Every structure is written in structure tokens, then in C-alpha cells.
Amino acid sequence: FPVTITPIQLWQTTRFAAGQTNDSLDNEEIIYILIDGHNRLEICRKHNLHFDIYMLSFNSIKDAKDYMINLQLGRRNLSPTQISYFRGLRYNNEKTDKINNLSQNYSKGHSDPSSNSTAERLSKEYNVSPKTIKRDADFAKGMEMLTPELRNDILRGKQKVEKKVIQQIAKDTFIKEPISDISQIVIVTGK
């Protein structure tokens, strides 16, 4: 019997637009980036199931990342750790945008015309304090300093690490290589 599942979402773009530039590659080569459906795709491939594809269009890799973060935050089955991570990613992305926009659009001496900071705006949206949003930002930054495998294990609850330890990693300027094992976290932070 046919199985109906949500389509896999792909972004058709070029290597250049996706930030995958390299002198030895054709930067205008068309590539496909999986935006949503990582687990569905894995399951469908494993069990040889048919799946539909939905093509998305974005102006930049940043727009694609924003879409992915907002899509994840809209899910109901996220753990508190996952929610914190995605709120932090969103804050960090929007904060960077705000800084870039201000530097491009305002001369020195002019202040930001918006009345709310990014943290205040997001805190109202998610019904948490601005301090929580900033702690989430540190948590997301620290998580980005881990290997994808360790980060995914922590987000899925397979590995347990206190959020404050991950937040401390974000402030460590001596970390040069991604952290791949929890034992390295203890050594790095001295905890």
C-alpha cells in the first residue's frame, strides 16, 4: 500500500550561492541542499520507500538557514535542549543581521531606530526573559564548537552535558578544533 509522507524539501542552487566556492570546482554547478526531511529521507532510503520532493527557493544560504531554524522551532516535539539551541541559533543569526544592517545603513552617531533589542523581541515571542535568550545564544555558539556527531547526540539526549558547560565553551578562545568527545569538554572547561 502507498505511504503518504511529507515531501522532502530541497533547495536547488549553485555552489557559489551555497558558499561552497573552490578554485578546483565549477562554482556555477547546480547542487541540491536538503532543507527538511533528513530523517524521512534516511528511512525512505533504508526501506526503499517512494518519497516526494518539494523544491524551495532562497536568495542566500542565510535565508535557507533562517527558514530551517524557524521550521524546527515550529515543531511540537522538541526537547527543552533543542528549543534552547534553536532559539540561540535564531538570536545569533538575527543579531548578526542587525549588526550588518546597522553598519551598512547608518553613519556613526546614529542609533538603532528599533525600540526593542533582538533579545527583547525574541523573549516576547517565546515568552522567556531576554537573559534566557542570551544564554540560549551562548549555548548555540558552544554547540557549534562541537563535532556534528557530538552536537546531534546532545540534542537527541544520547549524551548528557549541562547547558552551562556548553555555554562556557562558547567563551573559550583557546578551542581551535571541534570537540568530538564529552571527556574533552571536561578537560577544556576544567569542570
N, C-alpha and C. Protein backbone atom coordinates (compact mmCIF):
# COMPACT_ATOMS: atom_id res chain seq x y z
N PHE A 1 0.84 -1.18 0.00
CA PHE A 1 0.00 0.00 0.00
C PHE A 1 0.88 1.24 0.00
N PRO A 2 0.42 2.32 -0.65
CA PRO A 2 1.25 3.53 -0.72
C PRO A 2 1.33 4.24 0.62
N VAL A 3 2.48 4.77 0.90
CA VAL A 3 2.69 5.50 2.13
C VAL A 3 2.76 6.99 1.79
N THR A 4 1.96 7.80 2.45
CA THR A 4 1.98 9.24 2.21
C THR A 4 2.79 9.89 3.32
N ILE A 5 3.83 10.57 2.92
CA ILE A 5 4.64 11.29 3.89
C ILE A 5 4.85 12.71 3.40
N THR A 6 5.24 13.56 4.30
CA THR A 6 5.54 14.95 3.95
C THR A 6 6.71 14.96 2.98
N PRO A 7 6.64 15.74 1.93
CA PRO A 7 7.74 15.77 0.95
C PRO A 7 9.07 16.19 1.57
N ILE A 8 10.13 15.68 0.98
CA ILE A 8 11.49 16.10 1.33
C ILE A 8 11.67 17.48 0.70
N GLN A 9 12.21 18.43 1.44
CA GLN A 9 12.38 19.79 0.92
C GLN A 9 13.83 20.02 0.52
N LEU A 10 14.03 20.41 -0.74
CA LEU A 10 15.36 20.68 -1.27
C LEU A 10 15.45 22.11 -1.77
N TRP A 11 16.65 22.64 -1.73
CA TRP A 11 16.95 23.94 -2.31
C TRP A 11 17.88 23.71 -3.48
N GLN A 12 17.42 24.06 -4.68
CA GLN A 12 18.28 23.97 -5.86
C GLN A 12 19.01 25.30 -5.98
N THR A 13 20.32 25.23 -5.98
CA THR A 13 21.14 26.44 -6.00
C THR A 13 22.46 26.14 -6.70
N THR A 14 23.37 27.08 -6.64
CA THR A 14 24.70 26.87 -7.19
C THR A 14 25.69 26.73 -6.04
N ARG A 15 26.85 26.15 -6.35
CA ARG A 15 27.90 26.04 -5.33
C ARG A 15 28.24 27.42 -4.78
N PHE A 16 28.30 28.40 -5.65
CA PHE A 16 28.65 29.76 -5.24
C PHE A 16 27.63 30.31 -4.24
N ALA A 17 26.34 30.22 -4.58
CA ALA A 17 25.29 30.75 -3.71
C ALA A 17 25.26 30.03 -2.36
N ALA A 18 25.65 28.76 -2.36
CA ALA A 18 25.65 27.97 -1.12
C ALA A 18 26.92 28.16 -0.31
N GLY A 19 27.84 28.97 -0.82
CA GLY A 19 29.08 29.23 -0.10
C GLY A 19 30.09 28.11 -0.23
N GLN A 20 29.94 27.26 -1.23
CA GLN A 20 30.86 26.13 -1.44
C GLN A 20 31.81 26.45 -2.59
N THR A 21 32.43 27.60 -2.54
CA THR A 21 33.32 28.00 -3.62
C THR A 21 34.69 27.36 -3.44
N ASN A 22 35.28 27.04 -4.57
CA ASN A 22 36.60 26.41 -4.58
C ASN A 22 37.15 26.57 -5.98
N ASP A 23 38.43 26.91 -6.09
CA ASP A 23 39.03 27.12 -7.40
C ASP A 23 39.01 25.87 -8.26
N SER A 24 38.99 24.69 -7.66
CA SER A 24 39.02 23.46 -8.43
C SER A 24 37.62 22.97 -8.81
N LEU A 25 36.58 23.66 -8.35
CA LEU A 25 35.21 23.27 -8.64
C LEU A 25 34.54 24.27 -9.57
N ASP A 26 33.50 23.82 -10.25
CA ASP A 26 32.67 24.71 -11.05
C ASP A 26 31.71 25.41 -10.09
N ASN A 27 31.97 26.67 -9.80
CA ASN A 27 31.17 27.40 -8.81
C ASN A 27 29.73 27.65 -9.26
N GLU A 28 29.46 27.50 -10.56
CA GLU A 28 28.09 27.68 -11.06
C GLU A 28 27.35 26.34 -11.21
N GLU A 29 27.99 25.25 -10.77
CA GLU A 29 27.37 23.93 -10.82
C GLU A 29 26.11 23.93 -9.96
N ILE A 30 25.04 23.34 -10.49
CA ILE A 30 23.79 23.22 -9.75
C ILE A 30 23.95 22.13 -8.70
N ILE A 31 23.58 22.46 -7.46
CA ILE A 31 23.59 21.49 -6.37
C ILE A 31 22.24 21.54 -5.66
N TYR A 32 21.97 20.51 -4.89
CA TYR A 32 20.73 20.42 -4.13
C TYR A 32 21.09 20.28 -2.66
N ILE A 33 20.49 21.13 -1.85
CA ILE A 33 20.74 21.10 -0.42
C ILE A 33 19.46 20.65 0.28
N LEU A 34 19.60 19.64 1.12
CA LEU A 34 18.47 19.11 1.87
C LEU A 34 18.11 20.10 2.98
N ILE A 35 16.93 20.64 2.90
CA ILE A 35 16.48 21.66 3.85
C ILE A 35 15.66 21.02 4.97
N ASP A 36 14.76 20.11 4.62
CA ASP A 36 13.93 19.46 5.63
C ASP A 36 13.62 18.04 5.18
N GLY A 37 13.67 17.12 6.13
CA GLY A 37 13.33 15.74 5.84
C GLY A 37 14.51 14.80 5.96
N HIS A 38 15.50 15.20 6.73
CA HIS A 38 16.71 14.37 6.90
C HIS A 38 16.35 12.96 7.39
N ASN A 39 15.55 12.88 8.43
CA ASN A 39 15.17 11.57 8.97
C ASN A 39 14.26 10.81 8.01
N ARG A 40 13.28 11.51 7.39
CA ARG A 40 12.38 10.86 6.43
C ARG A 40 13.17 10.27 5.27
N LEU A 41 14.14 11.04 4.76
CA LEU A 41 14.95 10.58 3.64
C LEU A 41 15.72 9.31 4.02
N GLU A 42 16.31 9.33 5.20
CA GLU A 42 17.07 8.17 5.68
C GLU A 42 16.17 6.93 5.78
N ILE A 43 14.98 7.10 6.33
CA ILE A 43 14.04 5.99 6.48
C ILE A 43 13.58 5.48 5.11
N CYS A 44 13.25 6.41 4.22
CA CYS A 44 12.80 6.02 2.88
C CYS A 44 13.88 5.26 2.13
N ARG A 45 15.10 5.73 2.22
CA ARG A 45 16.20 5.03 1.54
C ARG A 45 16.43 3.65 2.15
N LYS A 46 16.39 3.56 3.47
CA LYS A 46 16.64 2.29 4.16
C LYS A 46 15.61 1.24 3.78
N HIS A 47 14.34 1.67 3.64
CA HIS A 47 13.26 0.73 3.37
C HIS A 47 12.78 0.77 1.91
N ASN A 48 13.56 1.44 1.08
CA ASN A 48 13.25 1.54 -0.35
C ASN A 48 11.82 2.05 -0.59
N LEU A 49 11.46 3.13 0.12
CA LEU A 49 10.13 3.73 0.00
C LEU A 49 10.17 4.93 -0.94
N HIS A 50 9.07 5.14 -1.63
CA HIS A 50 8.95 6.31 -2.50
C HIS A 50 8.79 7.57 -1.64
N PHE A 51 9.35 8.67 -2.09
CA PHE A 51 9.13 9.94 -1.42
C PHE A 51 9.02 11.03 -2.46
N ASP A 52 8.25 12.06 -2.11
CA ASP A 52 8.11 13.22 -2.99
C ASP A 52 9.11 14.28 -2.58
N ILE A 53 9.43 15.13 -3.53
CA ILE A 53 10.37 16.23 -3.30
C ILE A 53 9.66 17.54 -3.55
N TYR A 54 9.88 18.49 -2.67
CA TYR A 54 9.36 19.85 -2.82
C TYR A 54 10.55 20.78 -2.93
N MET A 55 10.62 21.53 -4.01
CA MET A 55 11.74 22.44 -4.25
C MET A 55 11.45 23.81 -3.64
N LEU A 56 12.43 24.34 -2.94
CA LEU A 56 12.33 25.66 -2.32
C LEU A 56 13.29 26.62 -3.02
N SER A 57 13.05 27.89 -2.84
CA SER A 57 13.92 28.91 -3.42
C SER A 57 14.29 29.92 -2.33
N PHE A 58 15.58 30.21 -2.24
CA PHE A 58 16.08 31.18 -1.27
C PHE A 58 17.05 32.12 -1.98
N ASN A 59 17.20 33.32 -1.46
CA ASN A 59 18.14 34.28 -2.03
C ASN A 59 19.57 34.06 -1.56
N SER A 60 19.72 33.39 -0.41
CA SER A 60 21.06 33.20 0.14
C SER A 60 21.07 32.01 1.09
N ILE A 61 22.26 31.57 1.43
CA ILE A 61 22.41 30.49 2.41
C ILE A 61 21.86 30.94 3.76
N LYS A 62 21.99 32.21 4.08
CA LYS A 62 21.46 32.74 5.34
C LYS A 62 19.94 32.61 5.38
N ASP A 63 19.28 32.93 4.25
CA ASP A 63 17.83 32.79 4.19
C ASP A 63 17.41 31.32 4.37
N ALA A 64 18.18 30.40 3.78
CA ALA A 64 17.88 28.98 3.93
C ALA A 64 18.02 28.56 5.39
N LYS A 65 19.08 29.02 6.05
CA LYS A 65 19.29 28.68 7.46
C LYS A 65 18.18 29.25 8.33
N ASP A 66 17.78 30.49 8.06
CA ASP A 66 16.68 31.10 8.82
C ASP A 66 15.41 30.27 8.68
N TYR A 67 15.13 29.85 7.47
CA TYR A 67 13.94 29.02 7.21
C TYR A 67 14.01 27.72 8.02
N MET A 68 15.17 27.08 7.99
CA MET A 68 15.34 25.81 8.70
C MET A 68 15.16 25.99 10.21
N ILE A 69 15.73 27.06 10.76
CA ILE A 69 15.60 27.31 12.20
C ILE A 69 14.14 27.53 12.57
N ASN A 70 13.46 28.38 11.80
CA ASN A 70 12.05 28.67 12.10
C ASN A 70 11.18 27.43 11.93
N LEU A 71 11.49 26.61 10.95
CA LEU A 71 10.75 25.36 10.75
C LEU A 71 10.93 24.45 11.97
N GLN A 72 12.15 24.33 12.45
CA GLN A 72 12.41 23.49 13.62
C GLN A 72 11.70 24.04 14.86
N LEU A 73 11.75 25.35 15.04
CA LEU A 73 11.11 25.94 16.22
C LEU A 73 9.59 25.78 16.18
N GLY A 74 9.03 25.55 15.02
CA GLY A 74 7.59 25.36 14.88
C GLY A 74 7.14 23.94 15.19
N ARG A 75 8.07 23.05 15.41
CA ARG A 75 7.74 21.66 15.70
C ARG A 75 7.31 21.52 17.16
N ARG A 76 6.40 20.59 17.42
CA ARG A 76 5.87 20.42 18.77
C ARG A 76 6.64 19.42 19.61
N ASN A 77 7.45 18.61 18.97
CA ASN A 77 8.09 17.51 19.70
C ASN A 77 9.54 17.82 20.09
N LEU A 78 9.90 19.07 20.20
CA LEU A 78 11.28 19.43 20.57
C LEU A 78 11.48 19.31 22.08
N SER A 79 12.66 18.87 22.45
CA SER A 79 13.03 18.84 23.86
C SER A 79 13.42 20.25 24.30
N PRO A 80 13.46 20.51 25.61
CA PRO A 80 13.91 21.83 26.08
C PRO A 80 15.32 22.17 25.57
N THR A 81 16.19 21.18 25.48
CA THR A 81 17.55 21.43 24.97
C THR A 81 17.51 21.86 23.51
N GLN A 82 16.69 21.20 22.70
CA GLN A 82 16.57 21.55 21.29
C GLN A 82 15.96 22.95 21.12
N ILE A 83 14.94 23.25 21.92
CA ILE A 83 14.32 24.57 21.85
C ILE A 83 15.34 25.65 22.18
N SER A 84 16.11 25.44 23.22
CA SER A 84 17.14 26.39 23.62
C SER A 84 18.15 26.59 22.50
N TYR A 85 18.59 25.49 21.90
CA TYR A 85 19.57 25.55 20.82
C TYR A 85 19.03 26.35 19.62
N PHE A 86 17.82 26.05 19.18
CA PHE A 86 17.27 26.74 18.02
C PHE A 86 16.96 28.20 18.30
N ARG A 87 16.48 28.51 19.53
CA ARG A 87 16.29 29.93 19.87
C ARG A 87 17.62 30.66 19.84
N GLY A 88 18.67 30.01 20.35
CA GLY A 88 20.00 30.61 20.34
C GLY A 88 20.52 30.82 18.93
N LEU A 89 20.32 29.83 18.06
CA LEU A 89 20.73 29.99 16.66
C LEU A 89 20.00 31.16 16.02
N ARG A 90 18.71 31.25 16.29
CA ARG A 90 17.92 32.35 15.70
C ARG A 90 18.43 33.70 16.21
N TYR A 91 18.66 33.79 17.51
CA TYR A 91 19.18 35.04 18.07
C TYR A 91 20.51 35.39 17.41
N ASN A 92 21.42 34.43 17.34
CA ASN A 92 22.75 34.71 16.77
C ASN A 92 22.65 35.13 15.32
N ASN A 93 21.78 34.50 14.53
CA ASN A 93 21.60 34.89 13.13
C ASN A 93 21.01 36.28 13.00
N GLU A 94 19.98 36.56 13.81
CA GLU A 94 19.32 37.86 13.72
C GLU A 94 20.20 38.97 14.28
N LYS A 95 20.95 38.69 15.31
CA LYS A 95 21.86 39.68 15.89
C LYS A 95 22.93 40.06 14.86
N THR A 96 23.47 39.05 14.16
CA THR A 96 24.46 39.31 13.12
C THR A 96 23.85 40.15 12.01
N ASP A 97 22.62 39.83 11.61
CA ASP A 97 21.94 40.61 10.58
C ASP A 97 21.77 42.06 11.01
N LYS A 98 21.36 42.25 12.25
CA LYS A 98 21.13 43.60 12.76
C LYS A 98 22.43 44.41 12.74
N ILE A 99 23.53 43.80 13.16
CA ILE A 99 24.82 44.49 13.17
C ILE A 99 25.23 44.85 11.74
N ASN A 100 25.07 43.88 10.81
CA ASN A 100 25.41 44.14 9.41
C ASN A 100 24.54 45.24 8.83
N ASN A 101 23.24 45.18 9.10
CA ASN A 101 22.33 46.21 8.58
C ASN A 101 22.66 47.58 9.14
N LEU A 102 22.96 47.65 10.43
CA LEU A 102 23.29 48.94 11.02
C LEU A 102 24.57 49.52 10.42
N SER A 103 25.57 48.68 10.22
CA SER A 103 26.84 49.19 9.70
C SER A 103 26.69 49.64 8.25
N GLN A 104 25.73 49.07 7.52
CA GLN A 104 25.54 49.45 6.13
C GLN A 104 24.60 50.64 5.99
N ASN A 105 23.66 50.80 6.91
CA ASN A 105 22.59 51.78 6.71
C ASN A 105 22.67 53.02 7.58
N TYR A 106 23.55 53.04 8.56
CA TYR A 106 23.60 54.19 9.45
C TYR A 106 25.03 54.66 9.60
N SER A 107 25.17 55.97 9.57
CA SER A 107 26.51 56.52 9.79
C SER A 107 26.77 56.60 11.28
N LYS A 108 28.02 56.82 11.66
CA LYS A 108 28.37 56.91 13.08
C LYS A 108 27.58 58.04 13.73
N GLY A 109 27.18 57.80 14.95
CA GLY A 109 26.44 58.81 15.69
C GLY A 109 24.94 58.57 15.67
N HIS A 110 24.47 57.74 14.77
CA HIS A 110 23.05 57.42 14.73
C HIS A 110 22.80 56.12 15.47
N SER A 111 21.69 56.09 16.18
CA SER A 111 21.37 54.88 16.93
C SER A 111 20.36 54.03 16.17
N ASP A 112 20.21 52.82 16.62
CA ASP A 112 19.26 51.89 16.03
C ASP A 112 17.85 52.44 16.24
N PRO A 113 17.07 52.56 15.17
CA PRO A 113 15.74 53.12 15.32
C PRO A 113 14.74 52.17 15.97
N SER A 114 15.02 50.89 16.02
CA SER A 114 14.07 49.97 16.63
C SER A 114 14.10 50.13 18.15
N SER A 115 12.94 50.00 18.76
CA SER A 115 12.87 50.23 20.21
C SER A 115 13.26 48.99 21.01
N ASN A 116 13.18 47.80 20.42
CA ASN A 116 13.49 46.57 21.14
C ASN A 116 14.77 45.94 20.61
N SER A 117 15.56 45.42 21.50
CA SER A 117 16.74 44.67 21.08
C SER A 117 16.27 43.32 20.54
N THR A 118 17.16 42.63 19.87
CA THR A 118 16.84 41.30 19.35
C THR A 118 16.43 40.39 20.49
N ALA A 119 17.16 40.43 21.60
CA ALA A 119 16.85 39.58 22.76
C ALA A 119 15.46 39.90 23.32
N GLU A 120 15.13 41.18 23.41
CA GLU A 120 13.82 41.57 23.94
C GLU A 120 12.69 41.11 23.02
N ARG A 121 12.89 41.29 21.73
CA ARG A 121 11.87 40.89 20.76
C ARG A 121 11.64 39.38 20.80
N LEU A 122 12.72 38.60 20.79
CA LEU A 122 12.58 37.15 20.82
C LEU A 122 12.05 36.66 22.17
N SER A 123 12.42 37.35 23.24
CA SER A 123 11.92 36.94 24.56
C SER A 123 10.39 37.06 24.62
N LYS A 124 9.86 38.10 24.01
CA LYS A 124 8.40 38.26 23.97
C LYS A 124 7.77 37.18 23.10
N GLU A 125 8.40 36.88 21.98
CA GLU A 125 7.86 35.86 21.07
C GLU A 125 7.81 34.49 21.73
N TYR A 126 8.84 34.14 22.50
CA TYR A 126 8.93 32.81 23.10
C TYR A 126 8.53 32.79 24.57
N ASN A 127 8.12 33.94 25.09
CA ASN A 127 7.65 34.05 26.48
C ASN A 127 8.71 33.59 27.49
N VAL A 128 9.92 34.09 27.28
CA VAL A 128 11.04 33.87 28.20
C VAL A 128 11.71 35.22 28.41
N SER A 129 12.68 35.27 29.31
CA SER A 129 13.36 36.54 29.56
C SER A 129 14.44 36.80 28.51
N PRO A 130 14.82 38.07 28.32
CA PRO A 130 15.93 38.38 27.42
C PRO A 130 17.23 37.67 27.85
N LYS A 131 17.42 37.50 29.17
CA LYS A 131 18.61 36.79 29.65
C LYS A 131 18.60 35.33 29.18
N THR A 132 17.42 34.72 29.17
CA THR A 132 17.31 33.34 28.69
C THR A 132 17.70 33.27 27.21
N ILE A 133 17.25 34.21 26.43
CA ILE A 133 17.60 34.25 25.00
C ILE A 133 19.11 34.39 24.84
N LYS A 134 19.74 35.23 25.63
CA LYS A 134 21.20 35.41 25.53
C LYS A 134 21.95 34.16 25.99
N ARG A 135 21.42 33.48 27.03
CA ARG A 135 22.03 32.21 27.45
C ARG A 135 21.86 31.16 26.35
N ASP A 136 20.69 31.17 25.70
CA ASP A 136 20.47 30.27 24.57
C ASP A 136 21.47 30.55 23.45
N ALA A 137 21.78 31.82 23.24
CA ALA A 137 22.74 32.20 22.20
C ALA A 137 24.12 31.64 22.53
N ASP A 138 24.53 31.75 23.79
CA ASP A 138 25.81 31.16 24.21
C ASP A 138 25.79 29.64 24.06
N PHE A 139 24.67 29.03 24.40
CA PHE A 139 24.53 27.58 24.26
C PHE A 139 24.68 27.17 22.79
N ALA A 140 24.00 27.87 21.89
CA ALA A 140 24.09 27.56 20.46
C ALA A 140 25.51 27.77 19.94
N LYS A 141 26.15 28.83 20.38
CA LYS A 141 27.53 29.10 19.95
C LYS A 141 28.46 27.99 20.45
N GLY A 142 28.28 27.57 21.68
CA GLY A 142 29.09 26.48 22.22
C GLY A 142 28.82 25.17 21.49
N MET A 143 27.57 24.91 21.15
CA MET A 143 27.23 23.69 20.43
C MET A 143 27.86 23.67 19.05
N GLU A 144 28.03 24.83 18.44
CA GLU A 144 28.65 24.90 17.12
C GLU A 144 30.15 24.60 17.19
N MET A 145 30.71 24.59 18.39
CA MET A 145 32.13 24.27 18.55
C MET A 145 32.35 22.77 18.76
N LEU A 146 31.28 21.99 18.67
CA LEU A 146 31.35 20.55 18.79
C LEU A 146 31.27 19.93 17.39
N THR A 147 31.73 18.69 17.28
CA THR A 147 31.55 17.99 16.01
C THR A 147 30.05 17.78 15.79
N PRO A 148 29.63 17.67 14.54
CA PRO A 148 28.20 17.43 14.29
C PRO A 148 27.68 16.18 15.00
N GLU A 149 28.49 15.16 15.10
CA GLU A 149 28.05 13.92 15.74
C GLU A 149 27.77 14.14 17.23
N LEU A 150 28.69 14.80 17.93
CA LEU A 150 28.50 15.06 19.36
C LEU A 150 27.34 16.03 19.57
N ARG A 151 27.26 17.06 18.74
CA ARG A 151 26.15 18.02 18.85
C ARG A 151 24.82 17.29 18.70
N ASN A 152 24.70 16.43 17.69
CA ASN A 152 23.45 15.70 17.48
C ASN A 152 23.15 14.75 18.63
N ASP A 153 24.18 14.10 19.16
CA ASP A 153 23.96 13.21 20.31
C ASP A 153 23.42 13.99 21.52
N ILE A 154 23.95 15.18 21.75
CA ILE A 154 23.47 16.01 22.87
C ILE A 154 22.04 16.47 22.61
N LEU A 155 21.77 16.91 21.39
CA LEU A 155 20.43 17.40 21.07
C LEU A 155 19.39 16.28 21.11
N ARG A 156 19.79 15.08 20.80
CA ARG A 156 18.87 13.93 20.85
C ARG A 156 18.79 13.31 22.23
N GLY A 157 19.61 13.79 23.16
CA GLY A 157 19.58 13.28 24.53
C GLY A 157 20.41 12.02 24.73
N LYS A 158 21.19 11.63 23.73
CA LYS A 158 22.04 10.43 23.87
C LYS A 158 23.25 10.70 24.75
N GLN A 159 23.71 11.93 24.78
CA GLN A 159 24.82 12.36 25.63
C GLN A 159 24.29 13.48 26.52
N LYS A 160 24.65 13.46 27.78
CA LYS A 160 24.19 14.47 28.72
C LYS A 160 25.35 15.39 29.10
N VAL A 161 25.15 16.67 28.88
CA VAL A 161 26.12 17.71 29.28
C VAL A 161 25.30 18.89 29.78
N GLU A 162 25.69 19.46 30.89
CA GLU A 162 24.97 20.62 31.41
C GLU A 162 25.08 21.79 30.44
N LYS A 163 23.98 22.52 30.30
CA LYS A 163 23.97 23.66 29.39
C LYS A 163 25.03 24.69 29.75
N LYS A 164 25.25 24.91 31.04
CA LYS A 164 26.23 25.92 31.44
C LYS A 164 27.64 25.54 31.01
N VAL A 165 27.91 24.24 30.89
CA VAL A 165 29.22 23.79 30.41
C VAL A 165 29.36 24.14 28.92
N ILE A 166 28.31 23.89 28.16
CA ILE A 166 28.33 24.24 26.73
C ILE A 166 28.41 25.76 26.56
N GLN A 167 27.71 26.50 27.41
CA GLN A 167 27.76 27.97 27.34
C GLN A 167 29.18 28.47 27.62
N GLN A 168 29.88 27.81 28.51
CA GLN A 168 31.25 28.20 28.83
C GLN A 168 32.17 27.95 27.64
N ILE A 169 31.93 26.87 26.90
CA ILE A 169 32.73 26.57 25.71
C ILE A 169 32.67 27.74 24.73
N ALA A 170 31.50 28.35 24.60
CA ALA A 170 31.32 29.47 23.67
C ALA A 170 32.26 30.62 23.99
N LYS A 171 32.66 30.74 25.24
CA LYS A 171 33.51 31.86 25.67
C LYS A 171 34.99 31.51 25.64
N ASP A 172 35.31 30.24 25.33
CA ASP A 172 36.70 29.78 25.34
C ASP A 172 37.36 30.11 24.01
N THR A 173 38.35 30.98 24.04
CA THR A 173 39.03 31.40 22.81
C THR A 173 40.19 30.48 22.44
N PHE A 174 40.47 29.49 23.27
CA PHE A 174 41.59 28.59 23.01
C PHE A 174 41.20 27.36 22.20
N ILE A 175 39.91 27.15 22.00
CA ILE A 175 39.46 25.97 21.26
C ILE A 175 39.64 26.25 19.76
N LYS A 176 40.44 25.42 19.12
CA LYS A 176 40.73 25.60 17.70
C LYS A 176 40.11 24.51 16.84
N GLU A 177 39.95 23.31 17.39
CA GLU A 177 39.38 22.16 16.68
C GLU A 177 38.03 21.82 17.30
N PRO A 178 37.08 21.34 16.48
CA PRO A 178 35.80 20.92 17.05
C PRO A 178 35.98 19.83 18.11
N ILE A 179 35.21 19.93 19.16
CA ILE A 179 35.26 18.96 20.26
C ILE A 179 34.44 17.75 19.83
N SER A 180 35.04 16.55 19.96
CA SER A 180 34.38 15.35 19.48
C SER A 180 33.94 14.39 20.58
N ASP A 181 34.35 14.67 21.82
CA ASP A 181 34.05 13.73 22.90
C ASP A 181 33.75 14.52 24.18
N ILE A 182 32.81 14.04 24.96
CA ILE A 182 32.44 14.71 26.20
C ILE A 182 33.64 14.86 27.13
N SER A 183 34.53 13.87 27.15
CA SER A 183 35.70 13.96 28.03
C SER A 183 36.56 15.17 27.68
N GLN A 184 36.57 15.58 26.41
CA GLN A 184 37.30 16.79 26.02
C GLN A 184 36.63 18.04 26.60
N ILE A 185 35.33 18.00 26.73
CA ILE A 185 34.61 19.15 27.30
C ILE A 185 35.04 19.37 28.73
N VAL A 186 35.13 18.30 29.48
CA VAL A 186 35.53 18.39 30.88
C VAL A 186 36.94 18.96 30.98
N ILE A 187 37.84 18.49 30.12
CA ILE A 187 39.23 18.96 30.12
C ILE A 187 39.30 20.43 29.73
N VAL A 188 38.59 20.80 28.66
CA VAL A 188 38.63 22.17 28.15
C VAL A 188 38.12 23.17 29.17
N THR A 189 37.01 22.84 29.83
CA THR A 189 36.38 23.80 30.73
C THR A 189 36.91 23.69 32.15
N GLY A 190 37.63 22.62 32.45
CA GLY A 190 38.14 22.44 33.81
C GLY A 190 37.08 22.01 34.78
N LYS A 191 35.94 21.54 34.32
CA LYS A 191 34.82 21.12 35.19
C LYS A 191 34.92 19.66 35.50
